[in-house]
Amino acid sequence: MFRSLAFHSRFPLRASIIYGGISYRPIPLNVMSLKPRYFVPNPYGSDGHIRDSEGAFSKKEKAIEDQWIRAHDSEKLKKLRDELAKQKKKLEELEDDIEDLEEDLNKKQK
């Protein structure tokens, strides 16, 4: 409905339809909104997530989700512990190699 016309003026003209005709009137720049508008999805309530309700079904769903999360976390911990054990074993082997090389170096220097 409104259209700003490009003029080299401090006050751009805004066209508006009034009673079937078009009216042009100057509007100061500080009156026109230059700030962006922000979208708020739902300011008056929740989206209806399962966790928000208080029924028996939601409690069962929460229990199932929590059980899955615990199993998933324990699986990740097991993998991390296995990886840590491998790294410790590799570190011990490298330390043994370093000790052997130092012994060989000391024997050659004497």
PDB file of N, CA and C in Angstrom:
ATOM      1  N   MET A   1       0.816  -1.186   0.000  1.00  0.00           N
ATOM      2  CA  MET A   1       0.000   0.000   0.000  1.00  0.00           C
ATOM      3  C   MET A   1       0.869   1.262   0.000  1.00  0.00           C
ATOM      4  N   PHE A   2       1.981   1.230   0.711  1.00  0.00           N
ATOM      5  CA  PHE A   2       2.826   2.408   0.811  1.00  0.00           C
ATOM      6  C   PHE A   2       4.057   2.220  -0.054  1.00  0.00           C
ATOM      7  N   ARG A   3       4.469   3.291  -0.679  1.00  0.00           N
ATOM      8  CA  ARG A   3       5.645   3.234  -1.535  1.00  0.00           C
ATOM      9  C   ARG A   3       6.435   4.520  -1.330  1.00  0.00           C
ATOM     10  N   SER A   4       7.701   4.396  -1.015  1.00  0.00           N
ATOM     11  CA  SER A   4       8.552   5.574  -0.877  1.00  0.00           C
ATOM     12  C   SER A   4       9.083   5.950  -2.242  1.00  0.00           C
ATOM     13  N   LEU A   5       9.032   7.220  -2.552  1.00  0.00           N
ATOM     14  CA  LEU A   5       9.538   7.704  -3.825  1.00  0.00           C
ATOM     15  C   LEU A   5      10.929   8.267  -3.609  1.00  0.00           C
ATOM     16  N   ALA A   6      11.810   8.026  -4.542  1.00  0.00           N
ATOM     17  CA  ALA A   6      13.192   8.460  -4.406  1.00  0.00           C
ATOM     18  C   ALA A   6      13.325   9.891  -4.903  1.00  0.00           C
ATOM     19  N   PHE A   7      13.530  10.808  -3.993  1.00  0.00           N
ATOM     20  CA  PHE A   7      13.793  12.198  -4.317  1.00  0.00           C
ATOM     21  C   PHE A   7      15.045  12.611  -3.578  1.00  0.00           C
ATOM     22  N   HIS A   8      15.686  13.648  -4.085  1.00  0.00           N
ATOM     23  CA  HIS A   8      16.858  14.184  -3.403  1.00  0.00           C
ATOM     24  C   HIS A   8      16.378  15.220  -2.400  1.00  0.00           C
ATOM     25  N   SER A   9      15.769  14.739  -1.361  1.00  0.00           N
ATOM     26  CA  SER A   9      15.190  15.623  -0.375  1.00  0.00           C
ATOM     27  C   SER A   9      15.441  15.051   1.009  1.00  0.00           C
ATOM     28  N   ARG A  10      15.368  15.912   1.996  1.00  0.00           N
ATOM     29  CA  ARG A  10      15.520  15.440   3.365  1.00  0.00           C
ATOM     30  C   ARG A  10      14.296  14.657   3.799  1.00  0.00           C
ATOM     31  N   PHE A  11      13.151  14.986   3.253  1.00  0.00           N
ATOM     32  CA  PHE A  11      11.906  14.317   3.585  1.00  0.00           C
ATOM     33  C   PHE A  11      11.412  13.539   2.375  1.00  0.00           C
ATOM     34  N   PRO A  12      11.553  12.207   2.381  1.00  0.00           N
ATOM     35  CA  PRO A  12      11.032  11.439   1.244  1.00  0.00           C
ATOM     36  C   PRO A  12       9.512  11.470   1.252  1.00  0.00           C
ATOM     37  N   LEU A  13       8.939  11.352   0.076  1.00  0.00           N
ATOM     38  CA  LEU A  13       7.487  11.336  -0.031  1.00  0.00           C
ATOM     39  C   LEU A  13       7.003   9.906   0.080  1.00  0.00           C
ATOM     40  N   ARG A  14       5.943   9.734   0.806  1.00  0.00           N
ATOM     41  CA  ARG A  14       5.357   8.405   0.936  1.00  0.00           C
ATOM     42  C   ARG A  14       3.967   8.467   0.309  1.00  0.00           C
ATOM     43  N   ALA A  15       3.731   7.535  -0.585  1.00  0.00           N
ATOM     44  CA  ALA A  15       2.429   7.488  -1.245  1.00  0.00           C
ATOM     45  C   ALA A  15       1.500   6.623  -0.420  1.00  0.00           C
ATOM     46  N   SER A  16       0.297   7.102  -0.197  1.00  0.00           N
ATOM     47  CA  SER A  16      -0.688   6.303   0.511  1.00  0.00           C
ATOM     48  C   SER A  16      -2.032   6.452  -0.180  1.00  0.00           C
ATOM     49  N   ILE A  17      -2.804   5.389  -0.138  1.00  0.00           N
ATOM     50  CA  ILE A  17      -4.114   5.409  -0.771  1.00  0.00           C
ATOM     51  C   ILE A  17      -5.129   5.851   0.277  1.00  0.00           C
ATOM     52  N   ILE A  18      -5.758   6.978   0.021  1.00  0.00           N
ATOM     53  CA  ILE A  18      -6.754   7.512   0.944  1.00  0.00           C
ATOM     54  C   ILE A  18      -8.054   7.702   0.179  1.00  0.00           C
ATOM     55  N   TYR A  19      -9.080   7.048   0.598  1.00  0.00           N
ATOM     56  CA  TYR A  19     -10.415   7.158   0.014  1.00  0.00           C
ATOM     57  C   TYR A  19     -10.393   7.002  -1.500  1.00  0.00           C
ATOM     58  N   GLY A  20      -9.656   6.030  -1.985  1.00  0.00           N
ATOM     59  CA  GLY A  20      -9.644   5.730  -3.404  1.00  0.00           C
ATOM     60  C   GLY A  20      -8.658   6.555  -4.202  1.00  0.00           C
ATOM     61  N   GLY A  21      -8.071   7.585  -3.630  1.00  0.00           N
ATOM     62  CA  GLY A  21      -7.096   8.403  -4.335  1.00  0.00           C
ATOM     63  C   GLY A  21      -5.729   8.208  -3.724  1.00  0.00           C
ATOM     64  N   ILE A  22      -4.718   8.772  -4.329  1.00  0.00           N
ATOM     65  CA  ILE A  22      -3.354   8.658  -3.824  1.00  0.00           C
ATOM     66  C   ILE A  22      -2.939  10.007  -3.272  1.00  0.00           C
ATOM     67  N   SER A  23      -2.411   9.994  -2.072  1.00  0.00           N
ATOM     68  CA  SER A  23      -1.955  11.216  -1.425  1.00  0.00           C
ATOM     69  C   SER A  23      -0.454  11.110  -1.205  1.00  0.00           C
ATOM     70  N   TYR A  24       0.246  12.198  -1.520  1.00  0.00           N
ATOM     71  CA  TYR A  24       1.687  12.246  -1.280  1.00  0.00           C
ATOM     72  C   TYR A  24       1.940  13.265  -0.178  1.00  0.00           C
ATOM     73  N   ARG A  25       2.631  12.843   0.867  1.00  0.00           N
ATOM     74  CA  ARG A  25       2.946  13.765   1.942  1.00  0.00           C
ATOM     75  C   ARG A  25       4.375  13.504   2.410  1.00  0.00           C
ATOM     76  N   PRO A  26       5.100  14.547   2.768  1.00  0.00           N
ATOM     77  CA  PRO A  26       6.474  14.349   3.241  1.00  0.00           C
ATOM     78  C   PRO A  26       6.487  13.760   4.642  1.00  0.00           C
ATOM     79  N   ILE A  27       7.406  12.821   4.881  1.00  0.00           N
ATOM     80  CA  ILE A  27       7.571  12.191   6.186  1.00  0.00           C
ATOM     81  C   ILE A  27       9.031  12.348   6.587  1.00  0.00           C
ATOM     82  N   PRO A  28       9.297  12.885   7.780  1.00  0.00           N
ATOM     83  CA  PRO A  28      10.691  13.017   8.216  1.00  0.00           C
ATOM     84  C   PRO A  28      11.358  11.643   8.336  1.00  0.00           C
ATOM     85  N   LEU A  29      12.659  11.599   8.089  1.00  0.00           N
ATOM     86  CA  LEU A  29      13.382  10.329   8.121  1.00  0.00           C
ATOM     87  C   LEU A  29      13.384   9.700   9.507  1.00  0.00           C
ATOM     88  N   ASN A  30      13.411  10.507  10.561  1.00  0.00           N
ATOM     89  CA  ASN A  30      13.472   9.926  11.894  1.00  0.00           C
ATOM     90  C   ASN A  30      12.158   9.269  12.298  1.00  0.00           C
ATOM     91  N   VAL A  31      11.080   9.531  11.585  1.00  0.00           N
ATOM     92  CA  VAL A  31       9.797   8.904  11.881  1.00  0.00           C
ATOM     93  C   VAL A  31       9.735   7.510  11.271  1.00  0.00           C
ATOM     94  N   MET A  32      10.356   7.371  10.119  1.00  0.00           N
ATOM     95  CA  MET A  32      10.340   6.070   9.440  1.00  0.00           C
ATOM     96  C   MET A  32      11.206   5.090  10.219  1.00  0.00           C
ATOM     97  N   SER A  33      10.748   3.896  10.356  1.00  0.00           N
ATOM     98  CA  SER A  33      11.481   2.889  11.107  1.00  0.00           C
ATOM     99  C   SER A  33      12.614   2.341  10.254  1.00  0.00           C
ATOM    100  N   LEU A  34      13.825   2.520  10.723  1.00  0.00           N
ATOM    101  CA  LEU A  34      14.989   2.010  10.003  1.00  0.00           C
ATOM    102  C   LEU A  34      15.576   0.782  10.676  1.00  0.00           C
ATOM    103  N   LYS A  35      15.048   0.426  11.846  1.00  0.00           N
ATOM    104  CA  LYS A  35      15.558  -0.732  12.568  1.00  0.00           C
ATOM    105  C   LYS A  35      14.910  -2.006  12.037  1.00  0.00           C
ATOM    106  N   PRO A  36      15.667  -3.116  12.019  1.00  0.00           N
ATOM    107  CA  PRO A  36      15.071  -4.378  11.557  1.00  0.00           C
ATOM    108  C   PRO A  36      14.078  -4.919  12.576  1.00  0.00           C
ATOM    109  N   ARG A  37      13.110  -5.620  12.093  1.00  0.00           N
ATOM    110  CA  ARG A  37      12.126  -6.255  12.960  1.00  0.00           C
ATOM    111  C   ARG A  37      12.613  -7.659  13.292  1.00  0.00           C
ATOM    112  N   TYR A  38      12.375  -8.089  14.516  1.00  0.00           N
ATOM    113  CA  TYR A  38      12.798  -9.412  14.949  1.00  0.00           C
ATOM    114  C   TYR A  38      11.586 -10.317  15.085  1.00  0.00           C
ATOM    115  N   PHE A  39      11.739 -11.543  14.635  1.00  0.00           N
ATOM    116  CA  PHE A  39      10.650 -12.512  14.680  1.00  0.00           C
ATOM    117  C   PHE A  39      10.709 -13.286  15.984  1.00  0.00           C
ATOM    118  N   VAL A  40       9.610 -13.288  16.711  1.00  0.00           N
ATOM    119  CA  VAL A  40       9.486 -14.068  17.941  1.00  0.00           C
ATOM    120  C   VAL A  40       8.508 -15.190  17.648  1.00  0.00           C
ATOM    121  N   PRO A  41       8.950 -16.457  17.691  1.00  0.00           N
ATOM    122  CA  PRO A  41       8.091 -17.559  17.249  1.00  0.00           C
ATOM    123  C   PRO A  41       6.780 -17.684  18.016  1.00  0.00           C
ATOM    124  N   ASN A  42       6.841 -17.744  19.335  1.00  0.00           N
ATOM    125  CA  ASN A  42       5.619 -17.926  20.108  1.00  0.00           C
ATOM    126  C   ASN A  42       5.825 -17.307  21.485  1.00  0.00           C
ATOM    127  N   PRO A  43       5.517 -16.028  21.650  1.00  0.00           N
ATOM    128  CA  PRO A  43       5.788 -15.388  22.930  1.00  0.00           C
ATOM    129  C   PRO A  43       4.810 -15.755  24.035  1.00  0.00           C
ATOM    130  N   TYR A  44       3.705 -16.428  23.705  1.00  0.00           N
ATOM    131  CA  TYR A  44       2.657 -16.663  24.689  1.00  0.00           C
ATOM    132  C   TYR A  44       2.626 -18.074  25.255  1.00  0.00           C
ATOM    133  N   GLY A  45       3.513 -18.945  24.857  1.00  0.00           N
ATOM    134  CA  GLY A  45       3.463 -20.298  25.392  1.00  0.00           C
ATOM    135  C   GLY A  45       4.536 -21.175  24.804  1.00  0.00           C
ATOM    136  N   SER A  46       4.459 -22.431  25.134  1.00  0.00           N
ATOM    137  CA  SER A  46       5.463 -23.381  24.673  1.00  0.00           C
ATOM    138  C   SER A  46       5.051 -23.975  23.336  1.00  0.00           C
ATOM    139  N   ASP A  47       5.939 -24.757  22.776  1.00  0.00           N
ATOM    140  CA  ASP A  47       5.664 -25.411  21.503  1.00  0.00           C
ATOM    141  C   ASP A  47       4.975 -26.744  21.688  1.00  0.00           C
ATOM    142  N   GLY A  48       4.712 -27.146  22.918  1.00  0.00           N
ATOM    143  CA  GLY A  48       4.034 -28.405  23.157  1.00  0.00           C
ATOM    144  C   GLY A  48       4.971 -29.591  23.182  1.00  0.00           C
ATOM    145  N   HIS A  49       6.171 -29.409  23.698  1.00  0.00           N
ATOM    146  CA  HIS A  49       7.100 -30.522  23.796  1.00  0.00           C
ATOM    147  C   HIS A  49       6.587 -31.554  24.792  1.00  0.00           C
ATOM    148  N   ILE A  50       7.046 -32.768  24.648  1.00  0.00           N
ATOM    149  CA  ILE A  50       6.620 -33.850  25.527  1.00  0.00           C
ATOM    150  C   ILE A  50       7.012 -33.546  26.967  1.00  0.00           C
ATOM    151  N   ARG A  51       8.180 -32.961  27.168  1.00  0.00           N
ATOM    152  CA  ARG A  51       8.662 -32.695  28.520  1.00  0.00           C
ATOM    153  C   ARG A  51       7.795 -31.664  29.246  1.00  0.00           C
ATOM    154  N   ASP A  52       7.054 -30.835  28.495  1.00  0.00           N
ATOM    155  CA  ASP A  52       6.243 -29.809  29.131  1.00  0.00           C
ATOM    156  C   ASP A  52       4.968 -30.363  29.744  1.00  0.00           C
ATOM    157  N   SER A  53       4.445 -31.445  29.216  1.00  0.00           N
ATOM    158  CA  SER A  53       3.201 -31.986  29.748  1.00  0.00           C
ATOM    159  C   SER A  53       3.494 -32.831  30.986  1.00  0.00           C
ATOM    160  N   GLU A  54       2.455 -33.141  31.751  1.00  0.00           N
ATOM    161  CA  GLU A  54       2.639 -33.818  33.033  1.00  0.00           C
ATOM    162  C   GLU A  54       1.904 -35.157  33.123  1.00  0.00           C
ATOM    163  N   GLY A  55       1.611 -35.802  32.022  1.00  0.00           N
ATOM    164  CA  GLY A  55       0.867 -37.052  32.067  1.00  0.00           C
ATOM    165  C   GLY A  55       1.758 -38.259  32.241  1.00  0.00           C
ATOM    166  N   ALA A  56       1.120 -39.436  32.354  1.00  0.00           N
ATOM    167  CA  ALA A  56       1.857 -40.691  32.512  1.00  0.00           C
ATOM    168  C   ALA A  56       2.662 -41.004  31.257  1.00  0.00           C
ATOM    169  N   PHE A  57       2.104 -40.670  30.102  1.00  0.00           N
ATOM    170  CA  PHE A  57       2.816 -40.924  28.848  1.00  0.00           C
ATOM    171  C   PHE A  57       4.108 -40.119  28.798  1.00  0.00           C
ATOM    172  N   SER A  58       4.043 -38.860  29.226  1.00  0.00           N
ATOM    173  CA  SER A  58       5.251 -38.030  29.186  1.00  0.00           C
ATOM    174  C   SER A  58       6.304 -38.551  30.161  1.00  0.00           C
ATOM    175  N   LYS A  59       5.861 -39.070  31.312  1.00  0.00           N
ATOM    176  CA  LYS A  59       6.821 -39.639  32.265  1.00  0.00           C
ATOM    177  C   LYS A  59       7.496 -40.874  31.691  1.00  0.00           C
ATOM    178  N   LYS A  60       6.715 -41.700  30.986  1.00  0.00           N
ATOM    179  CA  LYS A  60       7.281 -42.896  30.361  1.00  0.00           C
ATOM    180  C   LYS A  60       8.265 -42.499  29.264  1.00  0.00           C
ATOM    181  N   GLU A  61       7.881 -41.512  28.447  1.00  0.00           N
ATOM    182  CA  GLU A  61       8.776 -41.034  27.390  1.00  0.00           C
ATOM    183  C   GLU A  61      10.073 -40.489  27.982  1.00  0.00           C
ATOM    184  N   LYS A  62       9.959 -39.731  29.062  1.00  0.00           N
ATOM    185  CA  LYS A  62      11.146 -39.182  29.706  1.00  0.00           C
ATOM    186  C   LYS A  62      12.040 -40.303  30.218  1.00  0.00           C
ATOM    187  N   ALA A  63      11.442 -41.332  30.808  1.00  0.00           N
ATOM    188  CA  ALA A  63      12.224 -42.461  31.319  1.00  0.00           C
ATOM    189  C   ALA A  63      12.943 -43.182  30.183  1.00  0.00           C
ATOM    190  N   ILE A  64      12.254 -43.376  29.062  1.00  0.00           N
ATOM    191  CA  ILE A  64      12.869 -44.049  27.908  1.00  0.00           C
ATOM    192  C   ILE A  64      14.014 -43.211  27.358  1.00  0.00           C
ATOM    193  N   GLU A  65      13.794 -41.897  27.237  1.00  0.00           N
ATOM    194  CA  GLU A  65      14.855 -41.017  26.737  1.00  0.00           C
ATOM    195  C   GLU A  65      16.058 -41.027  27.671  1.00  0.00           C
ATOM    196  N   ASP A  66      15.795 -40.948  28.969  1.00  0.00           N
ATOM    197  CA  ASP A  66      16.894 -40.955  29.935  1.00  0.00           C
ATOM    198  C   ASP A  66      17.670 -42.265  29.896  1.00  0.00           C
ATOM    199  N   GLN A  67      16.959 -43.375  29.725  1.00  0.00           N
ATOM    200  CA  GLN A  67      17.613 -44.685  29.638  1.00  0.00           C
ATOM    201  C   GLN A  67      18.498 -44.747  28.395  1.00  0.00           C
ATOM    202  N   TRP A  68      17.994 -44.251  27.272  1.00  0.00           N
ATOM    203  CA  TRP A  68      18.784 -44.252  26.037  1.00  0.00           C
ATOM    204  C   TRP A  68      20.020 -43.377  26.213  1.00  0.00           C
ATOM    205  N   ILE A  69      19.855 -42.225  26.850  1.00  0.00           N
ATOM    206  CA  ILE A  69      20.987 -41.313  27.057  1.00  0.00           C
ATOM    207  C   ILE A  69      22.050 -41.965  27.934  1.00  0.00           C
ATOM    208  N   ARG A  70      21.622 -42.633  29.011  1.00  0.00           N
ATOM    209  CA  ARG A  70      22.596 -43.311  29.883  1.00  0.00           C
ATOM    210  C   ARG A  70      23.339 -44.407  29.124  1.00  0.00           C
ATOM    211  N   ALA A  71      22.613 -45.194  28.318  1.00  0.00           N
ATOM    212  CA  ALA A  71      23.261 -46.264  27.548  1.00  0.00           C
ATOM    213  C   ALA A  71      24.241 -45.672  26.539  1.00  0.00           C
ATOM    214  N   HIS A  72      23.834 -44.597  25.884  1.00  0.00           N
ATOM    215  CA  HIS A  72      24.692 -43.957  24.890  1.00  0.00           C
ATOM    216  C   HIS A  72      25.944 -43.386  25.552  1.00  0.00           C
ATOM    217  N   ASP A  73      25.775 -42.739  26.697  1.00  0.00           N
ATOM    218  CA  ASP A  73      26.925 -42.175  27.404  1.00  0.00           C
ATOM    219  C   ASP A  73      27.870 -43.260  27.910  1.00  0.00           C
ATOM    220  N   SER A  74      27.315 -44.372  28.414  1.00  0.00           N
ATOM    221  CA  SER A  74      28.182 -45.450  28.901  1.00  0.00           C
ATOM    222  C   SER A  74      28.948 -46.088  27.745  1.00  0.00           C
ATOM    223  N   GLU A  75      28.318 -46.169  26.580  1.00  0.00           N
ATOM    224  CA  GLU A  75      28.995 -46.701  25.391  1.00  0.00           C
ATOM    225  C   GLU A  75      30.153 -45.788  24.991  1.00  0.00           C
ATOM    226  N   LYS A  76      29.922 -44.485  25.021  1.00  0.00           N
ATOM    227  CA  LYS A  76      30.981 -43.538  24.690  1.00  0.00           C
ATOM    228  C   LYS A  76      32.121 -43.614  25.701  1.00  0.00           C
ATOM    229  N   LEU A  77      31.773 -43.750  26.990  1.00  0.00           N
ATOM    230  CA  LEU A  77      32.807 -43.869  28.016  1.00  0.00           C
ATOM    231  C   LEU A  77      33.650 -45.121  27.824  1.00  0.00           C
ATOM    232  N   LYS A  78      33.001 -46.230  27.463  1.00  0.00           N
ATOM    233  CA  LYS A  78      33.736 -47.478  27.237  1.00  0.00           C
ATOM    234  C   LYS A  78      34.725 -47.306  26.087  1.00  0.00           C
ATOM    235  N   LYS A  79      34.274 -46.678  24.995  1.00  0.00           N
ATOM    236  CA  LYS A  79      35.172 -46.448  23.859  1.00  0.00           C
ATOM    237  C   LYS A  79      36.342 -45.558  24.265  1.00  0.00           C
ATOM    238  N   LEU A  80      36.052 -44.519  25.047  1.00  0.00           N
ATOM    239  CA  LEU A  80      37.123 -43.625  25.487  1.00  0.00           C
ATOM    240  C   LEU A  80      38.118 -44.337  26.399  1.00  0.00           C
ATOM    241  N   ARG A  81      37.617 -45.194  27.280  1.00  0.00           N
ATOM    242  CA  ARG A  81      38.521 -45.952  28.164  1.00  0.00           C
ATOM    243  C   ARG A  81      39.398 -46.904  27.362  1.00  0.00           C
ATOM    244  N   ASP A  82      38.816 -47.567  26.357  1.00  0.00           N
ATOM    245  CA  ASP A  82      39.606 -48.455  25.504  1.00  0.00           C
ATOM    246  C   ASP A  82      40.683 -47.674  24.763  1.00  0.00           C
ATOM    247  N   GLU A  83      40.314 -46.520  24.248  1.00  0.00           N
ATOM    248  CA  GLU A  83      41.281 -45.687  23.529  1.00  0.00           C
ATOM    249  C   GLU A  83      42.384 -45.207  24.474  1.00  0.00           C
ATOM    250  N   LEU A  84      42.018 -44.859  25.695  1.00  0.00           N
ATOM    251  CA  LEU A  84      43.005 -44.439  26.690  1.00  0.00           C
ATOM    252  C   LEU A  84      43.972 -45.573  27.016  1.00  0.00           C
ATOM    253  N   ALA A  85      43.454 -46.789  27.152  1.00  0.00           N
ATOM    254  CA  ALA A  85      44.316 -47.944  27.429  1.00  0.00           C
ATOM    255  C   ALA A  85      45.295 -48.169  26.275  1.00  0.00           C
ATOM    256  N   LYS A  86      44.814 -48.039  25.040  1.00  0.00           N
ATOM    257  CA  LYS A  86      45.703 -48.197  23.878  1.00  0.00           C
ATOM    258  C   LYS A  86      46.796 -47.138  23.890  1.00  0.00           C
ATOM    259  N   GLN A  87      46.422 -45.904  24.196  1.00  0.00           N
ATOM    260  CA  GLN A  87      47.405 -44.821  24.209  1.00  0.00           C
ATOM    261  C   GLN A  87      48.434 -45.016  25.324  1.00  0.00           C
ATOM    262  N   LYS A  88      47.985 -45.499  26.489  1.00  0.00           N
ATOM    263  CA  LYS A  88      48.923 -45.762  27.588  1.00  0.00           C
ATOM    264  C   LYS A  88      49.914 -46.857  27.204  1.00  0.00           C
ATOM    265  N   LYS A  89      49.408 -47.909  26.544  1.00  0.00           N
ATOM    266  CA  LYS A  89      50.278 -49.002  26.115  1.00  0.00           C
ATOM    267  C   LYS A  89      51.302 -48.491  25.103  1.00  0.00           C
ATOM    268  N   LYS A  90      50.844 -47.662  24.170  1.00  0.00           N
ATOM    269  CA  LYS A  90      51.745 -47.107  23.163  1.00  0.00           C
ATOM    270  C   LYS A  90      52.788 -46.203  23.824  1.00  0.00           C
ATOM    271  N   LEU A  91      52.377 -45.432  24.818  1.00  0.00           N
ATOM    272  CA  LEU A  91      53.302 -44.559  25.535  1.00  0.00           C
ATOM    273  C   LEU A  91      54.371 -45.368  26.264  1.00  0.00           C
ATOM    274  N   GLU A  92      53.966 -46.457  26.908  1.00  0.00           N
ATOM    275  CA  GLU A  92      54.936 -47.317  27.597  1.00  0.00           C
ATOM    276  C   GLU A  92      55.940 -47.903  26.614  1.00  0.00           C
ATOM    277  N   GLU A  93      55.461 -48.339  25.440  1.00  0.00           N
ATOM    278  CA  GLU A  93      56.370 -48.887  24.425  1.00  0.00           C
ATOM    279  C   GLU A  93      57.367 -47.827  23.970  1.00  0.00           C
ATOM    280  N   LEU A  94      56.883 -46.601  23.765  1.00  0.00           N
ATOM    281  CA  LEU A  94      57.786 -45.531  23.336  1.00  0.00           C
ATOM    282  C   LEU A  94      58.804 -45.190  24.427  1.00  0.00           C
ATOM    283  N   GLU A  95      58.373 -45.197  25.679  1.00  0.00           N
ATOM    284  CA  GLU A  95      59.308 -44.935  26.779  1.00  0.00           C
ATOM    285  C   GLU A  95      60.365 -46.033  26.861  1.00  0.00           C
ATOM    286  N   ASP A  96      59.961 -47.295  26.644  1.00  0.00           N
ATOM    287  CA  ASP A  96      60.928 -48.397  26.638  1.00  0.00           C
ATOM    288  C   ASP A  96      61.926 -48.221  25.494  1.00  0.00           C
ATOM    289  N   ASP A  97      61.438 -47.810  24.323  1.00  0.00           N
ATOM    290  CA  ASP A  97      62.336 -47.570  23.187  1.00  0.00           C
ATOM    291  C   ASP A  97      63.327 -46.453  23.507  1.00  0.00           C
ATOM    292  N   ILE A  98      62.852 -45.407  24.151  1.00  0.00           N
ATOM    293  CA  ILE A  98      63.741 -44.299  24.519  1.00  0.00           C
ATOM    294  C   ILE A  98      64.814 -44.778  25.497  1.00  0.00           C
ATOM    295  N   GLU A  99      64.419 -45.574  26.478  1.00  0.00           N
ATOM    296  CA  GLU A  99      65.397 -46.097  27.443  1.00  0.00           C
ATOM    297  C   GLU A  99      66.435 -46.969  26.741  1.00  0.00           C
ATOM    298  N   ASP A 100      65.987 -47.824  25.805  1.00  0.00           N
ATOM    299  CA  ASP A 100      66.925 -48.671  25.063  1.00  0.00           C
ATOM    300  C   ASP A 100      67.900 -47.825  24.251  1.00  0.00           C
ATOM    301  N   LEU A 101      67.388 -46.792  23.603  1.00  0.00           N
ATOM    302  CA  LEU A 101      68.260 -45.927  22.806  1.00  0.00           C
ATOM    303  C   LEU A 101      69.258 -45.175  23.691  1.00  0.00           C
ATOM    304  N   GLU A 102      68.823 -44.743  24.860  1.00  0.00           N
ATOM    305  CA  GLU A 102      69.738 -44.053  25.775  1.00  0.00           C
ATOM    306  C   GLU A 102      70.824 -45.002  26.268  1.00  0.00           C
ATOM    307  N   GLU A 103      70.458 -46.256  26.553  1.00  0.00           N
ATOM    308  CA  GLU A 103      71.455 -47.242  26.988  1.00  0.00           C
ATOM    309  C   GLU A 103      72.472 -47.498  25.879  1.00  0.00           C
ATOM    310  N   ASP A 104      71.988 -47.646  24.637  1.00  0.00           N
ATOM    311  CA  ASP A 104      72.900 -47.855  23.506  1.00  0.00           C
ATOM    312  C   ASP A 104      73.822 -46.654  23.324  1.00  0.00           C
ATOM    313  N   LEU A 105      73.281 -45.468  23.483  1.00  0.00           N
ATOM    314  CA  LEU A 105      74.081 -44.257  23.329  1.00  0.00           C
ATOM    315  C   LEU A 105      75.150 -44.170  24.421  1.00  0.00           C
ATOM    316  N   ASN A 106      74.787 -44.525  25.645  1.00  0.00           N
ATOM    317  CA  ASN A 106      75.755 -44.499  26.752  1.00  0.00           C
ATOM    318  C   ASN A 106      76.851 -45.538  26.543  1.00  0.00           C
ATOM    319  N   LYS A 107      76.502 -46.717  26.008  1.00  0.00           N
ATOM    320  CA  LYS A 107      77.505 -47.754  25.753  1.00  0.00           C
ATOM    321  C   LYS A 107      78.482 -47.309  24.673  1.00  0.00           C
ATOM    322  N   LYS A 108      77.972 -46.640  23.638  1.00  0.00           N
ATOM    323  CA  LYS A 108      78.839 -46.198  22.548  1.00  0.00           C
ATOM    324  C   LYS A 108      79.756 -45.060  22.980  1.00  0.00           C
ATOM    325  N   GLN A 109      79.288 -44.232  23.896  1.00  0.00           N
ATOM    326  CA  GLN A 109      80.109 -43.105  24.352  1.00  0.00           C
ATOM    327  C   GLN A 109      81.242 -43.573  25.261  1.00  0.00           C
ATOM    328  N   LYS A 110      81.081 -44.687  25.941  1.00  0.00           N
ATOM    329  CA  LYS A 110      82.121 -45.176  26.852  1.00  0.00           C
ATOM    330  C   LYS A 110      83.140 -45.954  26.144  1.00  0.00           C
TER     331      LYS A 110
END
